[in-house]
Amino acid sequence: MSIRTVLDDRSIYSHVAALLAALWWITHAVLLSITDVRTHRLPLRLIATMSAGTLLLLAGAAPVRLLPAVLCGLVLAGVLFLLALPRRGVGLGDAALAFPIGVALGWTGWSTVPVWALAAGLLMSLTALTLLALRRVEWRSTLPLGPFLLAAVLPALLL
C-alpha cells in the first residue's frame, strides 16, 4: 500500500485525526490535573488550547459529528457556569473545563453525559472518604474538582 493510497483513504485519515485529537486532549487533561492539584487553579489559556486543538483535529476526523460535540460542550459549560455562580464548590475554571469535556463526550453521543456526571461524583466521593479515613484531610478541607471531572470521561466513554 502506497502513502498516496493511505492519504486518499478518508477512513484511515479520520481514524488518525481522531487518535491525534484523543492524544491532544489526554495530554492537556494530565497537565490541567497536575496544575489543579498543586494550585487549585485551572489556567484558562491551557483550557483554550485544549479546546481549540481538539476541535480542529476532530473537524478533520468527521466534520458531521462536530456540531453535536460543540453543542454538548456548550450545554455542559453552561450548566457548570450556573453551578459556579454561588461561588461555592464549582469554580469558573471548572465551568470552562466543562467545554472540552463536553466536546469529548458529545463526540460519542449525549448518552455519555449522565454517566460522566455519575462517575465524577463517585470518584470524588470515594477519594474524599478515603482521604478522610486515612486522616490526610479534614472535613473543612477542599479538593480540586478538575481532576475528577477529567478522570470521569474515561469510564463515561468506555461504558
N, C-alpha and C. Protein backbone atom coordinates (compact mmCIF):
# COMPACT_ATOMS: atom_id res chain seq x y z
N MET A 1 0.85 -1.17 0.00
CA MET A 1 0.00 0.00 0.00
C MET A 1 0.90 1.24 0.00
N SER A 2 0.67 2.12 -0.93
CA SER A 2 1.49 3.32 -1.03
C SER A 2 0.98 4.40 -0.09
N ILE A 3 1.80 5.42 0.15
CA ILE A 3 1.42 6.54 1.01
C ILE A 3 0.23 7.28 0.40
N ARG A 4 0.21 7.42 -0.92
CA ARG A 4 -0.90 8.11 -1.58
C ARG A 4 -2.20 7.39 -1.34
N THR A 5 -2.19 6.05 -1.37
CA THR A 5 -3.41 5.28 -1.11
C THR A 5 -3.89 5.51 0.32
N VAL A 6 -2.95 5.54 1.27
CA VAL A 6 -3.31 5.77 2.67
C VAL A 6 -3.90 7.16 2.84
N LEU A 7 -3.30 8.18 2.21
CA LEU A 7 -3.81 9.54 2.34
C LEU A 7 -5.14 9.74 1.65
N ASP A 8 -5.38 9.00 0.57
CA ASP A 8 -6.65 9.11 -0.14
C ASP A 8 -7.79 8.41 0.60
N ASP A 9 -7.47 7.47 1.46
CA ASP A 9 -8.49 6.74 2.20
C ASP A 9 -8.95 7.59 3.38
N ARG A 10 -10.16 8.16 3.27
CA ARG A 10 -10.69 9.06 4.31
C ARG A 10 -10.88 8.33 5.64
N SER A 11 -11.19 7.05 5.60
CA SER A 11 -11.44 6.36 6.86
C SER A 11 -10.16 6.25 7.68
N ILE A 12 -9.05 5.97 7.04
CA ILE A 12 -7.78 5.91 7.77
C ILE A 12 -7.41 7.30 8.27
N TYR A 13 -7.60 8.30 7.44
CA TYR A 13 -7.30 9.68 7.86
C TYR A 13 -8.17 10.08 9.05
N SER A 14 -9.44 9.72 9.00
CA SER A 14 -10.34 10.10 10.09
C SER A 14 -9.96 9.38 11.38
N HIS A 15 -9.51 8.14 11.28
CA HIS A 15 -9.06 7.42 12.47
C HIS A 15 -7.81 8.05 13.06
N VAL A 16 -6.90 8.44 12.20
CA VAL A 16 -5.67 9.09 12.67
C VAL A 16 -5.99 10.44 13.30
N ALA A 17 -6.87 11.21 12.67
CA ALA A 17 -7.24 12.52 13.23
C ALA A 17 -7.93 12.36 14.57
N ALA A 18 -8.80 11.36 14.70
CA ALA A 18 -9.48 11.12 15.98
C ALA A 18 -8.48 10.67 17.04
N LEU A 19 -7.51 9.85 16.66
CA LEU A 19 -6.47 9.43 17.60
C LEU A 19 -5.61 10.60 18.05
N LEU A 20 -5.25 11.47 17.11
CA LEU A 20 -4.47 12.66 17.47
C LEU A 20 -5.27 13.59 18.37
N ALA A 21 -6.57 13.71 18.11
CA ALA A 21 -7.42 14.54 18.98
C ALA A 21 -7.46 13.96 20.38
N ALA A 22 -7.57 12.64 20.49
CA ALA A 22 -7.59 12.00 21.80
C ALA A 22 -6.27 12.20 22.53
N LEU A 23 -5.16 12.06 21.82
CA LEU A 23 -3.85 12.27 22.45
C LEU A 23 -3.68 13.72 22.90
N TRP A 24 -4.12 14.65 22.07
CA TRP A 24 -4.07 16.08 22.41
C TRP A 24 -4.87 16.35 23.68
N TRP A 25 -6.09 15.80 23.71
CA TRP A 25 -7.00 16.00 24.83
C TRP A 25 -6.41 15.40 26.10
N ILE A 26 -5.91 14.18 26.01
CA ILE A 26 -5.36 13.48 27.19
C ILE A 26 -4.13 14.21 27.72
N THR A 27 -3.25 14.68 26.84
CA THR A 27 -2.06 15.41 27.27
C THR A 27 -2.46 16.65 28.06
N HIS A 28 -3.40 17.40 27.55
CA HIS A 28 -3.85 18.59 28.25
C HIS A 28 -4.58 18.25 29.54
N ALA A 29 -5.32 17.15 29.55
CA ALA A 29 -6.02 16.72 30.76
C ALA A 29 -5.04 16.41 31.88
N VAL A 30 -3.94 15.77 31.53
CA VAL A 30 -2.91 15.45 32.54
C VAL A 30 -2.28 16.74 33.07
N LEU A 31 -1.94 17.65 32.16
CA LEU A 31 -1.33 18.92 32.58
C LEU A 31 -2.30 19.73 33.47
N LEU A 32 -3.56 19.78 33.08
CA LEU A 32 -4.54 20.52 33.86
C LEU A 32 -4.77 19.88 35.22
N SER A 33 -4.79 18.56 35.27
CA SER A 33 -4.98 17.87 36.54
C SER A 33 -3.83 18.15 37.50
N ILE A 34 -2.62 18.07 37.00
CA ILE A 34 -1.44 18.34 37.84
C ILE A 34 -1.49 19.77 38.36
N THR A 35 -1.81 20.71 37.48
CA THR A 35 -1.88 22.11 37.88
C THR A 35 -2.97 22.34 38.92
N ASP A 36 -4.12 21.72 38.72
CA ASP A 36 -5.23 21.91 39.65
C ASP A 36 -4.93 21.31 41.02
N VAL A 37 -4.29 20.15 41.05
CA VAL A 37 -3.92 19.53 42.33
C VAL A 37 -2.92 20.40 43.07
N ARG A 38 -1.97 20.96 42.36
CA ARG A 38 -0.92 21.78 43.00
C ARG A 38 -1.41 23.16 43.43
N THR A 39 -2.25 23.79 42.61
CA THR A 39 -2.56 25.21 42.84
C THR A 39 -4.05 25.49 43.09
N HIS A 40 -4.91 24.51 42.87
CA HIS A 40 -6.36 24.71 42.93
C HIS A 40 -6.81 25.77 41.92
N ARG A 41 -6.12 25.83 40.81
CA ARG A 41 -6.45 26.74 39.70
C ARG A 41 -6.36 25.98 38.39
N LEU A 42 -7.24 26.35 37.46
CA LEU A 42 -7.20 25.79 36.11
C LEU A 42 -6.92 26.94 35.15
N PRO A 43 -5.72 26.96 34.54
CA PRO A 43 -5.38 28.06 33.64
C PRO A 43 -6.27 28.08 32.40
N LEU A 44 -6.93 29.21 32.18
CA LEU A 44 -7.85 29.33 31.05
C LEU A 44 -7.12 29.23 29.71
N ARG A 45 -5.89 29.67 29.67
CA ARG A 45 -5.11 29.59 28.42
C ARG A 45 -4.91 28.13 28.02
N LEU A 46 -4.63 27.27 29.00
CA LEU A 46 -4.43 25.85 28.71
C LEU A 46 -5.75 25.18 28.32
N ILE A 47 -6.84 25.60 28.95
CA ILE A 47 -8.16 25.07 28.59
C ILE A 47 -8.53 25.49 27.16
N ALA A 48 -8.21 26.73 26.81
CA ALA A 48 -8.49 27.22 25.45
C ALA A 48 -7.67 26.46 24.42
N THR A 49 -6.41 26.18 24.73
CA THR A 49 -5.55 25.42 23.83
C THR A 49 -6.09 24.00 23.66
N MET A 50 -6.52 23.42 24.76
CA MET A 50 -7.08 22.07 24.73
C MET A 50 -8.32 22.04 23.83
N SER A 51 -9.20 23.02 24.02
CA SER A 51 -10.44 23.08 23.25
C SER A 51 -10.18 23.30 21.77
N ALA A 52 -9.34 24.27 21.44
CA ALA A 52 -9.08 24.60 20.04
C ALA A 52 -8.43 23.45 19.30
N GLY A 53 -7.42 22.84 19.90
CA GLY A 53 -6.75 21.72 19.25
C GLY A 53 -7.66 20.52 19.06
N THR A 54 -8.45 20.23 20.07
CA THR A 54 -9.38 19.10 19.98
C THR A 54 -10.40 19.34 18.88
N LEU A 55 -10.96 20.55 18.84
CA LEU A 55 -11.96 20.86 17.80
C LEU A 55 -11.35 20.79 16.41
N LEU A 56 -10.16 21.31 16.25
CA LEU A 56 -9.51 21.31 14.95
C LEU A 56 -9.24 19.88 14.47
N LEU A 57 -8.73 19.05 15.37
CA LEU A 57 -8.44 17.66 14.99
C LEU A 57 -9.71 16.86 14.75
N LEU A 58 -10.73 17.08 15.57
CA LEU A 58 -11.99 16.36 15.36
C LEU A 58 -12.69 16.81 14.09
N ALA A 59 -12.51 18.06 13.70
CA ALA A 59 -13.09 18.54 12.44
C ALA A 59 -12.47 17.80 11.27
N GLY A 60 -11.21 17.44 11.38
CA GLY A 60 -10.57 16.65 10.33
C GLY A 60 -11.02 15.20 10.34
N ALA A 61 -11.45 14.73 11.51
CA ALA A 61 -11.86 13.32 11.61
C ALA A 61 -13.24 13.10 11.01
N ALA A 62 -14.20 13.92 11.40
CA ALA A 62 -15.57 13.78 10.88
C ALA A 62 -16.32 15.08 11.15
N PRO A 63 -16.34 15.98 10.17
CA PRO A 63 -16.98 17.28 10.38
C PRO A 63 -18.46 17.19 10.73
N VAL A 64 -19.13 16.14 10.32
CA VAL A 64 -20.56 15.99 10.60
C VAL A 64 -20.82 15.83 12.09
N ARG A 65 -19.91 15.18 12.80
CA ARG A 65 -20.09 14.94 14.23
C ARG A 65 -19.64 16.11 15.09
N LEU A 66 -19.09 17.15 14.46
CA LEU A 66 -18.54 18.28 15.22
C LEU A 66 -19.64 19.13 15.86
N LEU A 67 -20.72 19.38 15.16
CA LEU A 67 -21.79 20.23 15.70
C LEU A 67 -22.40 19.65 16.98
N PRO A 68 -22.79 18.36 17.01
CA PRO A 68 -23.31 17.82 18.27
C PRO A 68 -22.28 17.87 19.41
N ALA A 69 -21.01 17.70 19.07
CA ALA A 69 -19.96 17.75 20.09
C ALA A 69 -19.84 19.16 20.67
N VAL A 70 -19.86 20.16 19.81
CA VAL A 70 -19.77 21.56 20.27
C VAL A 70 -21.00 21.92 21.09
N LEU A 71 -22.18 21.50 20.65
CA LEU A 71 -23.40 21.78 21.40
C LEU A 71 -23.35 21.14 22.79
N CYS A 72 -22.87 19.93 22.87
CA CYS A 72 -22.75 19.25 24.15
C CYS A 72 -21.76 20.01 25.05
N GLY A 73 -20.65 20.46 24.48
CA GLY A 73 -19.69 21.24 25.25
C GLY A 73 -20.27 22.53 25.77
N LEU A 74 -21.04 23.22 24.94
CA LEU A 74 -21.66 24.48 25.36
C LEU A 74 -22.70 24.27 26.46
N VAL A 75 -23.51 23.23 26.30
CA VAL A 75 -24.53 22.94 27.32
C VAL A 75 -23.87 22.59 28.65
N LEU A 76 -22.86 21.73 28.60
CA LEU A 76 -22.19 21.31 29.83
C LEU A 76 -21.49 22.49 30.49
N ALA A 77 -20.84 23.33 29.70
CA ALA A 77 -20.18 24.52 30.25
C ALA A 77 -21.20 25.47 30.85
N GLY A 78 -22.36 25.62 30.20
CA GLY A 78 -23.42 26.48 30.72
C GLY A 78 -23.96 25.98 32.05
N VAL A 79 -24.16 24.68 32.16
CA VAL A 79 -24.66 24.11 33.41
C VAL A 79 -23.65 24.31 34.54
N LEU A 80 -22.38 24.03 34.27
CA LEU A 80 -21.38 24.22 35.32
C LEU A 80 -21.17 25.69 35.64
N PHE A 81 -21.36 26.56 34.67
CA PHE A 81 -21.28 28.00 34.95
C PHE A 81 -22.38 28.41 35.92
N LEU A 82 -23.58 27.91 35.70
CA LEU A 82 -24.68 28.21 36.62
C LEU A 82 -24.40 27.66 38.02
N LEU A 83 -23.76 26.51 38.09
CA LEU A 83 -23.39 25.94 39.40
C LEU A 83 -22.27 26.75 40.06
N ALA A 84 -21.47 27.45 39.25
CA ALA A 84 -20.36 28.24 39.79
C ALA A 84 -20.79 29.61 40.29
N LEU A 85 -21.98 30.05 39.91
CA LEU A 85 -22.42 31.39 40.30
C LEU A 85 -22.48 31.61 41.81
N PRO A 86 -22.94 30.65 42.61
CA PRO A 86 -22.93 30.89 44.06
C PRO A 86 -21.52 30.94 44.65
N ARG A 87 -20.51 30.59 43.86
CA ARG A 87 -19.10 30.62 44.27
C ARG A 87 -18.82 29.67 45.43
N ARG A 88 -19.48 28.54 45.45
CA ARG A 88 -19.25 27.54 46.48
C ARG A 88 -19.04 26.19 45.79
N GLY A 89 -17.85 25.69 45.84
CA GLY A 89 -17.57 24.37 45.28
C GLY A 89 -17.07 24.42 43.85
N VAL A 90 -17.96 24.62 42.91
CA VAL A 90 -17.57 24.65 41.49
C VAL A 90 -17.02 26.03 41.17
N GLY A 91 -15.83 26.06 40.58
CA GLY A 91 -15.22 27.33 40.21
C GLY A 91 -15.41 27.64 38.74
N LEU A 92 -15.04 28.86 38.36
CA LEU A 92 -15.17 29.26 36.96
C LEU A 92 -14.23 28.47 36.06
N GLY A 93 -13.08 28.06 36.59
CA GLY A 93 -12.18 27.22 35.82
C GLY A 93 -12.80 25.86 35.52
N ASP A 94 -13.52 25.32 36.50
CA ASP A 94 -14.23 24.05 36.29
C ASP A 94 -15.31 24.22 35.23
N ALA A 95 -15.99 25.36 35.24
CA ALA A 95 -17.02 25.63 34.23
C ALA A 95 -16.40 25.73 32.84
N ALA A 96 -15.25 26.38 32.75
CA ALA A 96 -14.56 26.49 31.46
C ALA A 96 -14.07 25.11 31.00
N LEU A 97 -13.62 24.31 31.94
CA LEU A 97 -13.12 22.97 31.62
C LEU A 97 -14.25 22.07 31.10
N ALA A 98 -15.48 22.39 31.45
CA ALA A 98 -16.61 21.58 31.01
C ALA A 98 -16.77 21.61 29.49
N PHE A 99 -16.31 22.68 28.83
CA PHE A 99 -16.46 22.73 27.37
C PHE A 99 -15.67 21.63 26.66
N PRO A 100 -14.34 21.51 26.89
CA PRO A 100 -13.64 20.42 26.19
C PRO A 100 -14.08 19.04 26.66
N ILE A 101 -14.54 18.93 27.91
CA ILE A 101 -15.08 17.65 28.37
C ILE A 101 -16.35 17.34 27.59
N GLY A 102 -17.23 18.33 27.46
CA GLY A 102 -18.47 18.14 26.71
C GLY A 102 -18.22 17.82 25.25
N VAL A 103 -17.19 18.41 24.67
CA VAL A 103 -16.84 18.11 23.27
C VAL A 103 -16.46 16.63 23.14
N ALA A 104 -15.63 16.15 24.07
CA ALA A 104 -15.22 14.75 24.03
C ALA A 104 -16.41 13.82 24.24
N LEU A 105 -17.28 14.17 25.17
CA LEU A 105 -18.45 13.33 25.43
C LEU A 105 -19.45 13.41 24.28
N GLY A 106 -19.69 14.62 23.77
CA GLY A 106 -20.64 14.81 22.69
C GLY A 106 -20.21 14.17 21.39
N TRP A 107 -18.92 13.98 21.23
CA TRP A 107 -18.40 13.33 20.02
C TRP A 107 -18.92 11.90 19.91
N THR A 108 -19.06 11.25 21.06
CA THR A 108 -19.53 9.87 21.05
C THR A 108 -21.03 9.77 21.24
N GLY A 109 -21.66 10.82 21.77
CA GLY A 109 -23.11 10.81 21.95
C GLY A 109 -23.50 11.40 23.29
N TRP A 110 -24.68 11.97 23.33
CA TRP A 110 -25.17 12.64 24.54
C TRP A 110 -25.41 11.68 25.69
N SER A 111 -25.56 10.41 25.40
CA SER A 111 -25.85 9.44 26.45
C SER A 111 -24.67 9.27 27.41
N THR A 112 -23.50 9.74 27.03
CA THR A 112 -22.34 9.62 27.91
C THR A 112 -22.33 10.67 29.02
N VAL A 113 -23.10 11.74 28.87
CA VAL A 113 -23.07 12.84 29.84
C VAL A 113 -23.57 12.41 31.22
N PRO A 114 -24.72 11.74 31.34
CA PRO A 114 -25.14 11.31 32.68
C PRO A 114 -24.16 10.32 33.32
N VAL A 115 -23.58 9.45 32.51
CA VAL A 115 -22.59 8.50 33.04
C VAL A 115 -21.37 9.26 33.56
N TRP A 116 -20.96 10.28 32.81
CA TRP A 116 -19.84 11.11 33.24
C TRP A 116 -20.14 11.81 34.56
N ALA A 117 -21.32 12.39 34.68
CA ALA A 117 -21.68 13.10 35.92
C ALA A 117 -21.68 12.15 37.11
N LEU A 118 -22.23 10.96 36.92
CA LEU A 118 -22.23 9.97 38.00
C LEU A 118 -20.82 9.53 38.34
N ALA A 119 -20.01 9.27 37.33
CA ALA A 119 -18.64 8.83 37.58
C ALA A 119 -17.82 9.91 38.29
N ALA A 120 -18.00 11.17 37.91
CA ALA A 120 -17.27 12.26 38.57
C ALA A 120 -17.66 12.35 40.04
N GLY A 121 -18.95 12.26 40.32
CA GLY A 121 -19.40 12.31 41.71
C GLY A 121 -18.88 11.14 42.53
N LEU A 122 -18.92 9.95 41.95
CA LEU A 122 -18.43 8.77 42.65
C LEU A 122 -16.93 8.84 42.89
N LEU A 123 -16.17 9.25 41.88
CA LEU A 123 -14.72 9.35 42.03
C LEU A 123 -14.34 10.34 43.13
N MET A 124 -15.00 11.48 43.14
CA MET A 124 -14.68 12.48 44.15
C MET A 124 -15.11 12.02 45.54
N SER A 125 -16.28 11.42 45.65
CA SER A 125 -16.77 10.96 46.94
C SER A 125 -15.88 9.87 47.53
N LEU A 126 -15.53 8.89 46.70
CA LEU A 126 -14.68 7.81 47.17
C LEU A 126 -13.29 8.31 47.57
N THR A 127 -12.77 9.25 46.80
CA THR A 127 -11.47 9.83 47.14
C THR A 127 -11.54 10.60 48.44
N ALA A 128 -12.58 11.40 48.61
CA ALA A 128 -12.73 12.19 49.83
C ALA A 128 -12.89 11.28 51.05
N LEU A 129 -13.71 10.25 50.92
CA LEU A 129 -13.89 9.32 52.05
C LEU A 129 -12.61 8.58 52.39
N THR A 130 -11.87 8.19 51.37
CA THR A 130 -10.59 7.51 51.60
C THR A 130 -9.60 8.44 52.30
N LEU A 131 -9.49 9.67 51.82
CA LEU A 131 -8.58 10.63 52.44
C LEU A 131 -9.00 10.97 53.87
N LEU A 132 -10.30 11.03 54.12
CA LEU A 132 -10.78 11.25 55.48
C LEU A 132 -10.43 10.08 56.39
N ALA A 133 -10.64 8.86 55.89
CA ALA A 133 -10.32 7.66 56.68
C ALA A 133 -8.84 7.56 56.98
N LEU A 134 -8.01 7.99 56.05
CA LEU A 134 -6.55 7.96 56.25
C LEU A 134 -6.05 9.18 57.02
N ARG A 135 -6.96 10.08 57.36
CA ARG A 135 -6.64 11.32 58.08
C ARG A 135 -5.66 12.21 57.31
N ARG A 136 -5.79 12.20 55.99
CA ARG A 136 -4.96 13.06 55.15
C ARG A 136 -5.61 14.42 54.94
N VAL A 137 -6.94 14.47 55.11
CA VAL A 137 -7.69 15.72 55.01
C VAL A 137 -8.66 15.79 56.17
N GLU A 138 -9.20 17.00 56.40
CA GLU A 138 -10.22 17.20 57.41
C GLU A 138 -11.53 17.51 56.73
N TRP A 139 -12.62 17.58 57.51
CA TRP A 139 -13.93 17.86 56.94
C TRP A 139 -13.97 19.21 56.24
N ARG A 140 -13.20 20.16 56.70
CA ARG A 140 -13.21 21.50 56.10
C ARG A 140 -12.25 21.64 54.92
N SER A 141 -11.50 20.61 54.62
CA SER A 141 -10.55 20.66 53.51
C SER A 141 -11.29 20.73 52.18
N THR A 142 -10.60 21.27 51.19
CA THR A 142 -11.17 21.32 49.84
C THR A 142 -10.32 20.46 48.90
N LEU A 143 -10.98 19.86 47.96
CA LEU A 143 -10.31 19.06 46.93
C LEU A 143 -10.53 19.74 45.58
N PRO A 144 -9.54 19.70 44.71
CA PRO A 144 -9.75 20.28 43.37
C PRO A 144 -10.73 19.41 42.58
N LEU A 145 -11.66 20.05 41.89
CA LEU A 145 -12.69 19.32 41.15
C LEU A 145 -12.22 18.90 39.76
N GLY A 146 -11.34 19.68 39.15
CA GLY A 146 -10.91 19.43 37.78
C GLY A 146 -10.43 18.02 37.49
N PRO A 147 -9.51 17.47 38.31
CA PRO A 147 -9.03 16.11 38.02
C PRO A 147 -10.15 15.06 38.02
N PHE A 148 -11.14 15.23 38.87
CA PHE A 148 -12.25 14.28 38.91
C PHE A 148 -13.14 14.42 37.69
N LEU A 149 -13.37 15.66 37.26
CA LEU A 149 -14.16 15.89 36.05
C LEU A 149 -13.47 15.27 34.83
N LEU A 150 -12.15 15.42 34.78
CA LEU A 150 -11.39 14.88 33.65
C LEU A 150 -11.30 13.36 33.70
N ALA A 151 -11.05 12.81 34.88
CA ALA A 151 -10.91 11.37 35.01
C ALA A 151 -12.22 10.64 34.72
N ALA A 152 -13.34 11.28 34.99
CA ALA A 152 -14.65 10.65 34.77
C ALA A 152 -14.99 10.48 33.30
N VAL A 153 -14.25 11.14 32.43
CA VAL A 153 -14.51 10.99 30.99
C VAL A 153 -14.21 9.56 30.54
N LEU A 154 -13.16 8.96 31.07
CA LEU A 154 -12.79 7.61 30.64
C LEU A 154 -13.88 6.58 30.89
N PRO A 155 -14.40 6.45 32.12
CA PRO A 155 -15.48 5.47 32.28
C PRO A 155 -16.74 5.82 31.48
N ALA A 156 -16.99 7.11 31.29
CA ALA A 156 -18.16 7.50 30.50
C ALA A 156 -18.02 7.06 29.05
N LEU A 157 -16.83 7.15 28.52
CA LEU A 157 -16.61 6.75 27.13
C LEU A 157 -16.54 5.23 26.96
N LEU A 158 -16.11 4.54 28.02
CA LEU A 158 -15.97 3.09 27.93
C LEU A 158 -17.28 2.34 28.15
N LEU A 159 -18.22 2.96 28.85
CA LEU A 159 -19.49 2.27 29.12
C LEU A 159 -20.49 2.45 28.01
